């Protein structure tokens, strides 16, 4: 119980965390959000993008062909993966820029106590 308090206490105090830790935490949270959003887009594509699946059946000794709409699972998986990779690269650039800006302000600002 005391170990948990020791881990949470510095997080709840302002000005106690380092810029590297904050940006790293921010980056990891962004990756989780990007993963959830890419799954949602993949699910949306799975439900809305269909292709015609050919179905054959016999009736009275004659083979008939018809088509039926089916969800496009490969397109949904590929699009979700591509979206996730693009989102992570963009998020990495944003976090690197944020890190540079925060590090600049941290090194050029004196905090009076």
PDB file of N, CA and C in Angstrom:
ATOM      1  N   UNK A   1       0.823  -1.189   0.000  1.00  0.00           N
ATOM      2  CA  UNK A   1       0.000   0.000   0.000  1.00  0.00           C
ATOM      3  C   UNK A   1       0.867   1.253   0.000  1.00  0.00           C
ATOM      4  N   UNK A   2       1.948   1.228   0.788  1.00  0.00           N
ATOM      5  CA  UNK A   2       2.817   2.404   0.862  1.00  0.00           C
ATOM      6  C   UNK A   2       3.575   2.606  -0.449  1.00  0.00           C
ATOM      7  N   UNK A   3       3.871   1.514  -1.172  1.00  0.00           N
ATOM      8  CA  UNK A   3       4.549   1.648  -2.467  1.00  0.00           C
ATOM      9  C   UNK A   3       3.659   2.353  -3.473  1.00  0.00           C
ATOM     10  N   UNK A   4       2.377   2.086  -3.427  1.00  0.00           N
ATOM     11  CA  UNK A   4       1.433   2.741  -4.310  1.00  0.00           C
ATOM     12  C   UNK A   4       1.373   4.233  -4.012  1.00  0.00           C
ATOM     13  N   UNK A   5       1.351   4.595  -2.737  1.00  0.00           N
ATOM     14  CA  UNK A   5       1.334   6.008  -2.353  1.00  0.00           C
ATOM     15  C   UNK A   5       2.597   6.716  -2.815  1.00  0.00           C
ATOM     16  N   UNK A   6       3.741   6.025  -2.737  1.00  0.00           N
ATOM     17  CA  UNK A   6       4.999   6.623  -3.166  1.00  0.00           C
ATOM     18  C   UNK A   6       5.027   6.848  -4.674  1.00  0.00           C
ATOM     19  N   UNK A   7       4.349   6.018  -5.423  1.00  0.00           N
ATOM     20  CA  UNK A   7       4.299   6.189  -6.876  1.00  0.00           C
ATOM     21  C   UNK A   7       3.296   7.261  -7.291  1.00  0.00           C
ATOM     22  N   UNK A   8       2.207   7.370  -6.576  1.00  0.00           N
ATOM     23  CA  UNK A   8       1.150   8.312  -6.944  1.00  0.00           C
ATOM     24  C   UNK A   8       1.447   9.717  -6.440  1.00  0.00           C
ATOM     25  N   UNK A   9       2.047   9.851  -5.289  1.00  0.00           N
ATOM     26  CA  UNK A   9       2.266  11.158  -4.676  1.00  0.00           C
ATOM     27  C   UNK A   9       3.045  12.132  -5.582  1.00  0.00           C
ATOM     28  N   UNK A  10       4.177  11.756  -6.196  1.00  0.00           N
ATOM     29  CA  UNK A  10       4.863  12.718  -7.071  1.00  0.00           C
ATOM     30  C   UNK A  10       4.033  13.073  -8.315  1.00  0.00           C
ATOM     31  N   UNK A  11       3.201  12.177  -8.748  1.00  0.00           N
ATOM     32  CA  UNK A  11       2.377  12.443  -9.926  1.00  0.00           C
ATOM     33  C   UNK A  11       1.321  13.501  -9.641  1.00  0.00           C
ATOM     34  N   UNK A  12       0.816  13.517  -8.414  1.00  0.00           N
ATOM     35  CA  UNK A  12      -0.242  14.459  -8.062  1.00  0.00           C
ATOM     36  C   UNK A  12       0.276  15.847  -7.700  1.00  0.00           C
ATOM     37  N   UNK A  13       1.555  15.986  -7.445  1.00  0.00           N
ATOM     38  CA  UNK A  13       2.123  17.293  -7.117  1.00  0.00           C
ATOM     39  C   UNK A  13       2.607  17.970  -8.390  1.00  0.00           C
ATOM     40  N   UNK A  14       2.262  19.218  -8.545  1.00  0.00           N
ATOM     41  CA  UNK A  14       2.683  19.966  -9.717  1.00  0.00           C
ATOM     42  C   UNK A  14       4.139  20.396  -9.573  1.00  0.00           C
ATOM     43  N   UNK A  15       4.873  20.349 -10.666  1.00  0.00           N
ATOM     44  CA  UNK A  15       6.260  20.782 -10.682  1.00  0.00           C
ATOM     45  C   UNK A  15       7.243  19.735 -10.222  1.00  0.00           C
ATOM     46  N   UNK A  16       6.806  18.543  -9.862  1.00  0.00           N
ATOM     47  CA  UNK A  16       7.689  17.509  -9.360  1.00  0.00           C
ATOM     48  C   UNK A  16       8.191  16.567 -10.456  1.00  0.00           C
ATOM     49  N   UNK A  17       7.474  16.490 -11.574  1.00  0.00           N
ATOM     50  CA  UNK A  17       7.831  15.548 -12.629  1.00  0.00           C
ATOM     51  C   UNK A  17       8.799  16.180 -13.617  1.00  0.00           C
ATOM     52  N   UNK A  18       9.599  15.335 -14.228  1.00  0.00           N
ATOM     53  CA  UNK A  18      10.522  15.788 -15.256  1.00  0.00           C
ATOM     54  C   UNK A  18       9.796  15.831 -16.590  1.00  0.00           C
ATOM     55  N   UNK A  19      10.325  16.632 -17.495  1.00  0.00           N
ATOM     56  CA  UNK A  19       9.714  16.773 -18.822  1.00  0.00           C
ATOM     57  C   UNK A  19       9.736  15.442 -19.565  1.00  0.00           C
ATOM     58  N   UNK A  20      10.818  14.701 -19.438  1.00  0.00           N
ATOM     59  CA  UNK A  20      10.931  13.413 -20.140  1.00  0.00           C
ATOM     60  C   UNK A  20       9.838  12.449 -19.695  1.00  0.00           C
ATOM     61  N   UNK A  21       9.591  12.410 -18.386  1.00  0.00           N
ATOM     62  CA  UNK A  21       8.567  11.508 -17.859  1.00  0.00           C
ATOM     63  C   UNK A  21       7.173  11.914 -18.326  1.00  0.00           C
ATOM     64  N   UNK A  22       6.898  13.214 -18.320  1.00  0.00           N
ATOM     65  CA  UNK A  22       5.577  13.689 -18.737  1.00  0.00           C
ATOM     66  C   UNK A  22       5.303  13.415 -20.210  1.00  0.00           C
ATOM     67  N   UNK A  23       6.290  13.713 -21.058  1.00  0.00           N
ATOM     68  CA  UNK A  23       6.094  13.495 -22.490  1.00  0.00           C
ATOM     69  C   UNK A  23       6.016  11.997 -22.788  1.00  0.00           C
ATOM     70  N   UNK A  24       6.801  11.195 -22.084  1.00  0.00           N
ATOM     71  CA  UNK A  24       6.743   9.744 -22.267  1.00  0.00           C
ATOM     72  C   UNK A  24       5.373   9.204 -21.883  1.00  0.00           C
ATOM     73  N   UNK A  25       4.850   9.658 -20.755  1.00  0.00           N
ATOM     74  CA  UNK A  25       3.507   9.243 -20.326  1.00  0.00           C
ATOM     75  C   UNK A  25       2.455   9.708 -21.329  1.00  0.00           C
ATOM     76  N   UNK A  26       2.582  10.951 -21.789  1.00  0.00           N
ATOM     77  CA  UNK A  26       1.658  11.520 -22.774  1.00  0.00           C
ATOM     78  C   UNK A  26       1.694  10.715 -24.074  1.00  0.00           C
ATOM     79  N   UNK A  27       2.884  10.304 -24.500  1.00  0.00           N
ATOM     80  CA  UNK A  27       3.046   9.514 -25.716  1.00  0.00           C
ATOM     81  C   UNK A  27       2.378   8.147 -25.587  1.00  0.00           C
ATOM     82  N   UNK A  28       2.556   7.497 -24.460  1.00  0.00           N
ATOM     83  CA  UNK A  28       1.967   6.176 -24.252  1.00  0.00           C
ATOM     84  C   UNK A  28       0.442   6.240 -24.206  1.00  0.00           C
ATOM     85  N   UNK A  29      -0.095   7.262 -23.571  1.00  0.00           N
ATOM     86  CA  UNK A  29      -1.557   7.427 -23.539  1.00  0.00           C
ATOM     87  C   UNK A  29      -2.080   7.671 -24.961  1.00  0.00           C
ATOM     88  N   UNK A  30      -1.343   8.454 -25.742  1.00  0.00           N
ATOM     89  CA  UNK A  30      -1.739   8.719 -27.123  1.00  0.00           C
ATOM     90  C   UNK A  30      -1.718   7.473 -27.987  1.00  0.00           C
ATOM     91  N   UNK A  31      -0.764   6.580 -27.743  1.00  0.00           N
ATOM     92  CA  UNK A  31      -0.716   5.325 -28.500  1.00  0.00           C
ATOM     93  C   UNK A  31      -1.937   4.464 -28.182  1.00  0.00           C
ATOM     94  N   UNK A  32      -2.328   4.417 -26.927  1.00  0.00           N
ATOM     95  CA  UNK A  32      -3.517   3.644 -26.552  1.00  0.00           C
ATOM     96  C   UNK A  32      -4.761   4.228 -27.224  1.00  0.00           C
ATOM     97  N   UNK A  33      -4.875   5.553 -27.217  1.00  0.00           N
ATOM     98  CA  UNK A  33      -6.021   6.199 -27.865  1.00  0.00           C
ATOM     99  C   UNK A  33      -6.007   5.952 -29.367  1.00  0.00           C
ATOM    100  N   UNK A  34      -4.827   6.020 -29.995  1.00  0.00           N
ATOM    101  CA  UNK A  34      -4.726   5.749 -31.433  1.00  0.00           C
ATOM    102  C   UNK A  34      -5.122   4.310 -31.745  1.00  0.00           C
ATOM    103  N   UNK A  35      -4.748   3.374 -30.878  1.00  0.00           N
ATOM    104  CA  UNK A  35      -5.118   1.972 -31.080  1.00  0.00           C
ATOM    105  C   UNK A  35      -6.634   1.792 -31.009  1.00  0.00           C
ATOM    106  N   UNK A  36      -7.258   2.413 -30.024  1.00  0.00           N
ATOM    107  CA  UNK A  36      -8.708   2.303 -29.877  1.00  0.00           C
ATOM    108  C   UNK A  36      -9.421   2.937 -31.066  1.00  0.00           C
ATOM    109  N   UNK A  37      -8.945   4.102 -31.505  1.00  0.00           N
ATOM    110  CA  UNK A  37      -9.564   4.776 -32.655  1.00  0.00           C
ATOM    111  C   UNK A  37      -9.378   3.967 -33.934  1.00  0.00           C
ATOM    112  N   UNK A  38      -8.213   3.352 -34.120  1.00  0.00           N
ATOM    113  CA  UNK A  38      -8.004   2.555 -35.336  1.00  0.00           C
ATOM    114  C   UNK A  38      -8.874   1.298 -35.323  1.00  0.00           C
ATOM    115  N   UNK A  39      -9.091   0.714 -34.153  1.00  0.00           N
ATOM    116  CA  UNK A  39     -10.022  -0.414 -34.069  1.00  0.00           C
ATOM    117  C   UNK A  39     -11.444   0.013 -34.421  1.00  0.00           C
ATOM    118  N   UNK A  40     -11.834   1.205 -33.971  1.00  0.00           N
ATOM    119  CA  UNK A  40     -13.172   1.707 -34.270  1.00  0.00           C
ATOM    120  C   UNK A  40     -13.340   1.954 -35.768  1.00  0.00           C
ATOM    121  N   UNK A  41     -12.312   2.512 -36.407  1.00  0.00           N
ATOM    122  CA  UNK A  41     -12.391   2.742 -37.852  1.00  0.00           C
ATOM    123  C   UNK A  41     -12.410   1.418 -38.605  1.00  0.00           C
ATOM    124  N   UNK A  42     -11.614   0.452 -38.166  1.00  0.00           N
ATOM    125  CA  UNK A  42     -11.633  -0.877 -38.779  1.00  0.00           C
ATOM    126  C   UNK A  42     -12.999  -1.535 -38.660  1.00  0.00           C
ATOM    127  N   UNK A  43     -13.614  -1.395 -37.502  1.00  0.00           N
ATOM    128  CA  UNK A  43     -14.955  -1.951 -37.299  1.00  0.00           C
ATOM    129  C   UNK A  43     -15.980  -1.247 -38.190  1.00  0.00           C
ATOM    130  N   UNK A  44     -15.836   0.066 -38.329  1.00  0.00           N
ATOM    131  CA  UNK A  44     -16.733   0.823 -39.207  1.00  0.00           C
ATOM    132  C   UNK A  44     -16.585   0.380 -40.659  1.00  0.00           C
ATOM    133  N   UNK A  45     -15.358   0.207 -41.108  1.00  0.00           N
ATOM    134  CA  UNK A  45     -15.126  -0.254 -42.482  1.00  0.00           C
ATOM    135  C   UNK A  45     -15.645  -1.674 -42.660  1.00  0.00           C
ATOM    136  N   UNK A  46     -15.469  -2.510 -41.654  1.00  0.00           N
ATOM    137  CA  UNK A  46     -15.972  -3.880 -41.725  1.00  0.00           C
ATOM    138  C   UNK A  46     -17.493  -3.907 -41.914  1.00  0.00           C
ATOM    139  N   UNK A  47     -18.182  -3.015 -41.218  1.00  0.00           N
ATOM    140  CA  UNK A  47     -19.646  -3.020 -41.298  1.00  0.00           C
ATOM    141  C   UNK A  47     -20.198  -2.295 -42.520  1.00  0.00           C
ATOM    142  N   UNK A  48     -19.467  -1.349 -43.075  1.00  0.00           N
ATOM    143  CA  UNK A  48     -20.015  -0.554 -44.177  1.00  0.00           C
ATOM    144  C   UNK A  48     -19.481  -0.947 -45.535  1.00  0.00           C
ATOM    145  N   UNK A  49     -18.309  -1.534 -45.604  1.00  0.00           N
ATOM    146  CA  UNK A  49     -17.730  -1.900 -46.897  1.00  0.00           C
ATOM    147  C   UNK A  49     -17.994  -3.380 -47.154  1.00  0.00           C
ATOM    148  N   UNK A  50     -18.747  -3.653 -48.180  1.00  0.00           N
ATOM    149  CA  UNK A  50     -19.071  -5.036 -48.500  1.00  0.00           C
ATOM    150  C   UNK A  50     -18.636  -5.366 -49.922  1.00  0.00           C
ATOM    151  N   UNK A  51     -18.546  -6.636 -50.197  1.00  0.00           N
ATOM    152  CA  UNK A  51     -18.299  -7.117 -51.550  1.00  0.00           C
ATOM    153  C   UNK A  51     -19.319  -8.211 -51.842  1.00  0.00           C
ATOM    154  N   UNK A  52     -19.505  -8.503 -53.110  1.00  0.00           N
ATOM    155  CA  UNK A  52     -20.478  -9.534 -53.487  1.00  0.00           C
ATOM    156  C   UNK A  52     -19.818 -10.904 -53.439  1.00  0.00           C
ATOM    157  N   UNK A  53     -20.300 -11.725 -52.554  1.00  0.00           N
ATOM    158  CA  UNK A  53     -19.796 -13.085 -52.411  1.00  0.00           C
ATOM    159  C   UNK A  53     -20.669 -14.008 -53.252  1.00  0.00           C
ATOM    160  N   UNK A  54     -20.038 -14.769 -54.124  1.00  0.00           N
ATOM    161  CA  UNK A  54     -20.781 -15.674 -55.001  1.00  0.00           C
ATOM    162  C   UNK A  54     -21.164 -16.938 -54.240  1.00  0.00           C
ATOM    163  N   UNK A  55     -22.433 -17.286 -54.354  1.00  0.00           N
ATOM    164  CA  UNK A  55     -22.964 -18.476 -53.691  1.00  0.00           C
ATOM    165  C   UNK A  55     -23.570 -19.375 -54.770  1.00  0.00           C
ATOM    166  N   UNK A  56     -23.210 -20.634 -54.739  1.00  0.00           N
ATOM    167  CA  UNK A  56     -23.797 -21.583 -55.691  1.00  0.00           C
ATOM    168  C   UNK A  56     -24.621 -22.604 -54.927  1.00  0.00           C
ATOM    169  N   UNK A  57     -25.708 -22.996 -55.545  1.00  0.00           N
ATOM    170  CA  UNK A  57     -26.566 -24.000 -54.922  1.00  0.00           C
ATOM    171  C   UNK A  57     -27.268 -24.789 -56.014  1.00  0.00           C
ATOM    172  N   UNK A  58     -27.692 -25.998 -55.654  1.00  0.00           N
ATOM    173  CA  UNK A  58     -28.408 -26.866 -56.585  1.00  0.00           C
ATOM    174  C   UNK A  58     -29.886 -26.846 -56.255  1.00  0.00           C
ATOM    175  N   UNK A  59     -30.681 -26.772 -57.305  1.00  0.00           N
ATOM    176  CA  UNK A  59     -32.122 -26.862 -57.141  1.00  0.00           C
ATOM    177  C   UNK A  59     -32.669 -27.649 -58.332  1.00  0.00           C
ATOM    178  N   UNK A  60     -33.305 -28.771 -58.052  1.00  0.00           N
ATOM    179  CA  UNK A  60     -33.855 -29.671 -59.072  1.00  0.00           C
ATOM    180  C   UNK A  60     -32.786 -30.118 -60.069  1.00  0.00           C
ATOM    181  N   UNK A  61     -31.585 -30.384 -59.560  1.00  0.00           N
ATOM    182  CA  UNK A  61     -30.506 -30.882 -60.405  1.00  0.00           C
ATOM    183  C   UNK A  61     -29.800 -29.813 -61.227  1.00  0.00           C
ATOM    184  N   UNK A  62     -30.176 -28.560 -61.070  1.00  0.00           N
ATOM    185  CA  UNK A  62     -29.554 -27.468 -61.811  1.00  0.00           C
ATOM    186  C   UNK A  62     -28.736 -26.623 -60.819  1.00  0.00           C
ATOM    187  N   UNK A  63     -27.524 -26.264 -61.251  1.00  0.00           N
ATOM    188  CA  UNK A  63     -26.661 -25.450 -60.388  1.00  0.00           C
ATOM    189  C   UNK A  63     -26.932 -23.977 -60.668  1.00  0.00           C
ATOM    190  N   UNK A  64     -27.291 -23.249 -59.617  1.00  0.00           N
ATOM    191  CA  UNK A  64     -27.562 -21.820 -59.720  1.00  0.00           C
ATOM    192  C   UNK A  64     -26.477 -21.029 -59.002  1.00  0.00           C
ATOM    193  N   UNK A  65     -26.222 -19.842 -59.502  1.00  0.00           N
ATOM    194  CA  UNK A  65     -25.259 -18.929 -58.878  1.00  0.00           C
ATOM    195  C   UNK A  65     -25.981 -17.641 -58.504  1.00  0.00           C
ATOM    196  N   UNK A  66     -25.671 -17.165 -57.357  1.00  0.00           N
ATOM    197  CA  UNK A  66     -26.198 -15.885 -56.919  1.00  0.00           C
ATOM    198  C   UNK A  66     -25.125 -15.178 -56.085  1.00  0.00           C
ATOM    199  N   UNK A  67     -25.372 -13.960 -55.765  1.00  0.00           N
ATOM    200  CA  UNK A  67     -24.390 -13.239 -54.943  1.00  0.00           C
ATOM    201  C   UNK A  67     -25.086 -12.672 -53.716  1.00  0.00           C
ATOM    202  N   UNK A  68     -24.283 -12.520 -52.703  1.00  0.00           N
ATOM    203  CA  UNK A  68     -24.789 -11.998 -51.447  1.00  0.00           C
ATOM    204  C   UNK A  68     -23.743 -11.031 -50.891  1.00  0.00           C
ATOM    205  N   UNK A  69     -24.167  -9.894 -50.346  1.00  0.00           N
ATOM    206  CA  UNK A  69     -23.163  -8.981 -49.777  1.00  0.00           C
ATOM    207  C   UNK A  69     -22.526  -9.571 -48.521  1.00  0.00           C
ATOM    208  N   UNK A  70     -21.210  -9.412 -48.431  1.00  0.00           N
ATOM    209  CA  UNK A  70     -20.461  -9.922 -47.284  1.00  0.00           C
ATOM    210  C   UNK A  70     -19.517  -8.827 -46.789  1.00  0.00           C
ATOM    211  N   UNK A  71     -19.282  -8.747 -45.486  1.00  0.00           N
ATOM    212  CA  UNK A  71     -18.361  -7.733 -44.972  1.00  0.00           C
ATOM    213  C   UNK A  71     -16.934  -7.981 -45.465  1.00  0.00           C
ATOM    214  N   UNK A  72     -16.217  -6.905 -45.699  1.00  0.00           N
ATOM    215  CA  UNK A  72     -14.871  -6.987 -46.241  1.00  0.00           C
ATOM    216  C   UNK A  72     -13.857  -6.959 -45.096  1.00  0.00           C
ATOM    217  N   UNK A  73     -13.587  -8.125 -44.525  1.00  0.00           N
ATOM    218  CA  UNK A  73     -12.681  -8.231 -43.385  1.00  0.00           C
ATOM    219  C   UNK A  73     -11.236  -7.874 -43.722  1.00  0.00           C
ATOM    220  N   UNK A  74     -10.666  -8.348 -44.831  1.00  0.00           N
ATOM    221  CA  UNK A  74      -9.275  -7.973 -45.118  1.00  0.00           C
ATOM    222  C   UNK A  74      -9.079  -6.459 -45.272  1.00  0.00           C
ATOM    223  N   UNK A  75     -10.017  -5.789 -45.911  1.00  0.00           N
ATOM    224  CA  UNK A  75      -9.920  -4.334 -46.054  1.00  0.00           C
ATOM    225  C   UNK A  75      -9.973  -3.650 -44.691  1.00  0.00           C
ATOM    226  N   UNK A  76     -10.809  -4.132 -43.805  1.00  0.00           N
ATOM    227  CA  UNK A  76     -10.928  -3.546 -42.471  1.00  0.00           C
ATOM    228  C   UNK A  76      -9.642  -3.730 -41.668  1.00  0.00           C
ATOM    229  N   UNK A  77      -9.047  -4.903 -41.730  1.00  0.00           N
ATOM    230  CA  UNK A  77      -7.812  -5.169 -40.985  1.00  0.00           C
ATOM    231  C   UNK A  77      -6.664  -4.323 -41.528  1.00  0.00           C
ATOM    232  N   UNK A  78      -6.512  -4.299 -42.849  1.00  0.00           N
ATOM    233  CA  UNK A  78      -5.421  -3.531 -43.456  1.00  0.00           C
ATOM    234  C   UNK A  78      -5.581  -2.045 -43.181  1.00  0.00           C
ATOM    235  N   UNK A  79      -6.793  -1.533 -43.296  1.00  0.00           N
ATOM    236  CA  UNK A  79      -6.998  -0.097 -43.055  1.00  0.00           C
ATOM    237  C   UNK A  79      -6.773   0.260 -41.592  1.00  0.00           C
ATOM    238  N   UNK A  80      -7.160  -0.601 -40.671  1.00  0.00           N
ATOM    239  CA  UNK A  80      -6.931  -0.334 -39.248  1.00  0.00           C
ATOM    240  C   UNK A  80      -5.434  -0.323 -38.928  1.00  0.00           C
ATOM    241  N   UNK A  81      -4.685  -1.245 -39.516  1.00  0.00           N
ATOM    242  CA  UNK A  81      -3.236  -1.289 -39.284  1.00  0.00           C
ATOM    243  C   UNK A  81      -2.562  -0.053 -39.863  1.00  0.00           C
ATOM    244  N   UNK A  82      -2.936   0.320 -41.093  1.00  0.00           N
ATOM    245  CA  UNK A  82      -2.331   1.500 -41.724  1.00  0.00           C
ATOM    246  C   UNK A  82      -2.675   2.757 -40.934  1.00  0.00           C
ATOM    247  N   UNK A  83      -3.921   2.885 -40.514  1.00  0.00           N
ATOM    248  CA  UNK A  83      -4.319   4.053 -39.726  1.00  0.00           C
ATOM    249  C   UNK A  83      -3.548   4.118 -38.412  1.00  0.00           C
ATOM    250  N   UNK A  84      -3.373   2.991 -37.758  1.00  0.00           N
ATOM    251  CA  UNK A  84      -2.632   2.967 -36.501  1.00  0.00           C
ATOM    252  C   UNK A  84      -1.179   3.392 -36.701  1.00  0.00           C
ATOM    253  N   UNK A  85      -0.537   2.871 -37.751  1.00  0.00           N
ATOM    254  CA  UNK A  85       0.860   3.227 -38.006  1.00  0.00           C
ATOM    255  C   UNK A  85       1.017   4.708 -38.338  1.00  0.00           C
ATOM    256  N   UNK A  86       0.120   5.244 -39.158  1.00  0.00           N
ATOM    257  CA  UNK A  86       0.177   6.670 -39.495  1.00  0.00           C
ATOM    258  C   UNK A  86      -0.071   7.522 -38.250  1.00  0.00           C
ATOM    259  N   UNK A  87      -1.032   7.120 -37.438  1.00  0.00           N
ATOM    260  CA  UNK A  87      -1.343   7.874 -36.223  1.00  0.00           C
ATOM    261  C   UNK A  87      -0.165   7.864 -35.249  1.00  0.00           C
ATOM    262  N   UNK A  88       0.519   6.731 -35.126  1.00  0.00           N
ATOM    263  CA  UNK A  88       1.658   6.652 -34.205  1.00  0.00           C
ATOM    264  C   UNK A  88       2.809   7.528 -34.702  1.00  0.00           C
ATOM    265  N   UNK A  89       3.063   7.539 -36.008  1.00  0.00           N
ATOM    266  CA  UNK A  89       4.133   8.386 -36.542  1.00  0.00           C
ATOM    267  C   UNK A  89       3.806   9.857 -36.327  1.00  0.00           C
ATOM    268  N   UNK A  90       2.574  10.262 -36.621  1.00  0.00           N
ATOM    269  CA  UNK A  90       2.193  11.654 -36.387  1.00  0.00           C
ATOM    270  C   UNK A  90       2.246  12.009 -34.906  1.00  0.00           C
ATOM    271  N   UNK A  91       1.800  11.096 -34.062  1.00  0.00           N
ATOM    272  CA  UNK A  91       1.817  11.343 -32.623  1.00  0.00           C
ATOM    273  C   UNK A  91       3.255  11.455 -32.110  1.00  0.00           C
ATOM    274  N   UNK A  92       4.158  10.670 -32.687  1.00  0.00           N
ATOM    275  CA  UNK A  92       5.567  10.746 -32.311  1.00  0.00           C
ATOM    276  C   UNK A  92       6.132  12.127 -32.647  1.00  0.00           C
ATOM    277  N   UNK A  93       5.814  12.662 -33.849  1.00  0.00           N
ATOM    278  CA  UNK A  93       6.276  13.997 -34.214  1.00  0.00           C
ATOM    279  C   UNK A  93       5.720  15.060 -33.267  1.00  0.00           C
ATOM    280  N   UNK A  94       4.448  14.943 -32.947  1.00  0.00           N
ATOM    281  CA  UNK A  94       3.827  15.916 -32.046  1.00  0.00           C
ATOM    282  C   UNK A  94       4.483  15.860 -30.663  1.00  0.00           C
ATOM    283  N   UNK A  95       4.715  14.669 -30.144  1.00  0.00           N
ATOM    284  CA  UNK A  95       5.326  14.541 -28.821  1.00  0.00           C
ATOM    285  C   UNK A  95       6.784  15.002 -28.829  1.00  0.00           C
ATOM    286  N   UNK A  96       7.510  14.749 -29.907  1.00  0.00           N
ATOM    287  CA  UNK A  96       8.886  15.238 -29.998  1.00  0.00           C
ATOM    288  C   UNK A  96       8.913  16.762 -30.017  1.00  0.00           C
ATOM    289  N   UNK A  97       8.003  17.373 -30.769  1.00  0.00           N
ATOM    290  CA  UNK A  97       7.925  18.822 -30.803  1.00  0.00           C
ATOM    291  C   UNK A  97       7.557  19.370 -29.426  1.00  0.00           C
ATOM    292  N   UNK A  98       6.608  18.729 -28.766  1.00  0.00           N
ATOM    293  CA  UNK A  98       6.220  19.138 -27.419  1.00  0.00           C
ATOM    294  C   UNK A  98       7.388  19.001 -26.446  1.00  0.00           C
ATOM    295  N   UNK A  99       8.157  17.937 -26.583  1.00  0.00           N
ATOM    296  CA  UNK A  99       9.324  17.728 -25.731  1.00  0.00           C
ATOM    297  C   UNK A  99      10.355  18.835 -25.933  1.00  0.00           C
ATOM    298  N   UNK A 100      10.612  19.208 -27.185  1.00  0.00           N
ATOM    299  CA  UNK A 100      11.580  20.272 -27.477  1.00  0.00           C
ATOM    300  C   UNK A 100      11.117  21.592 -26.869  1.00  0.00           C
ATOM    301  N   UNK A 101       9.845  21.912 -27.044  1.00  0.00           N
ATOM    302  CA  UNK A 101       9.313  23.175 -26.516  1.00  0.00           C
ATOM    303  C   UNK A 101       9.368  23.184 -24.988  1.00  0.00           C
ATOM    304  N   UNK A 102       8.940  22.118 -24.348  1.00  0.00           N
ATOM    305  CA  UNK A 102       8.951  22.069 -22.884  1.00  0.00           C
ATOM    306  C   UNK A 102      10.367  22.065 -22.323  1.00  0.00           C
ATOM    307  N   UNK A 103      11.269  21.371 -22.986  1.00  0.00           N
ATOM    308  CA  UNK A 103      12.659  21.355 -22.538  1.00  0.00           C
ATOM    309  C   UNK A 103      13.279  22.742 -22.662  1.00  0.00           C
ATOM    310  N   UNK A 104      12.936  23.465 -23.737  1.00  0.00           N
ATOM    311  CA  UNK A 104      13.429  24.832 -23.908  1.00  0.00           C
ATOM    312  C   UNK A 104      12.937  25.731 -22.778  1.00  0.00           C
ATOM    313  N   UNK A 105      11.653  25.653 -22.475  1.00  0.00           N
ATOM    314  CA  UNK A 105      11.108  26.490 -21.403  1.00  0.00           C
ATOM    315  C   UNK A 105      11.644  26.082 -20.039  1.00  0.00           C
ATOM    316  N   UNK A 106      11.895  24.802 -19.846  1.00  0.00           N
ATOM    317  CA  UNK A 106      12.432  24.348 -18.571  1.00  0.00           C
ATOM    318  C   UNK A 106      13.867  24.844 -18.374  1.00  0.00           C
ATOM    319  N   UNK A 107      14.663  24.831 -19.426  1.00  0.00           N
ATOM    320  CA  UNK A 107      16.055  25.240 -19.275  1.00  0.00           C
ATOM    321  C   UNK A 107      16.227  26.747 -19.264  1.00  0.00           C
ATOM    322  N   UNK A 108      15.302  27.509 -19.841  1.00  0.00           N
ATOM    323  CA  UNK A 108      15.432  28.968 -19.904  1.00  0.00           C
ATOM    324  C   UNK A 108      14.546  29.710 -18.906  1.00  0.00           C
ATOM    325  N   UNK A 109      13.971  29.006 -17.983  1.00  0.00           N
ATOM    326  CA  UNK A 109      13.100  29.640 -16.993  1.00  0.00           C
ATOM    327  C   UNK A 109      13.639  29.327 -15.608  1.00  0.00           C
ATOM    328  N   UNK A 110      13.789  30.363 -14.808  1.00  0.00           N
ATOM    329  CA  UNK A 110      14.197  30.165 -13.421  1.00  0.00           C
ATOM    330  C   UNK A 110      12.970  30.231 -12.544  1.00  0.00           C
ATOM    331  N   UNK A 111      12.846  29.255 -11.677  1.00  0.00           N
ATOM    332  CA  UNK A 111      11.721  29.236 -10.748  1.00  0.00           C
ATOM    333  C   UNK A 111      12.200  29.798  -9.422  1.00  0.00           C
ATOM    334  N   UNK A 112      11.578  30.878  -9.018  1.00  0.00           N
ATOM    335  CA  UNK A 112      11.954  31.476  -7.739  1.00  0.00           C
ATOM    336  C   UNK A 112      11.219  30.777  -6.611  1.00  0.00           C
ATOM    337  N   UNK A 113      11.948  30.498  -5.563  1.00  0.00           N
ATOM    338  CA  UNK A 113      11.348  29.771  -4.436  1.00  0.00           C
ATOM    339  C   UNK A 113      11.206  30.672  -3.250  1.00  0.00           C
TER     340      UNK A 113
END
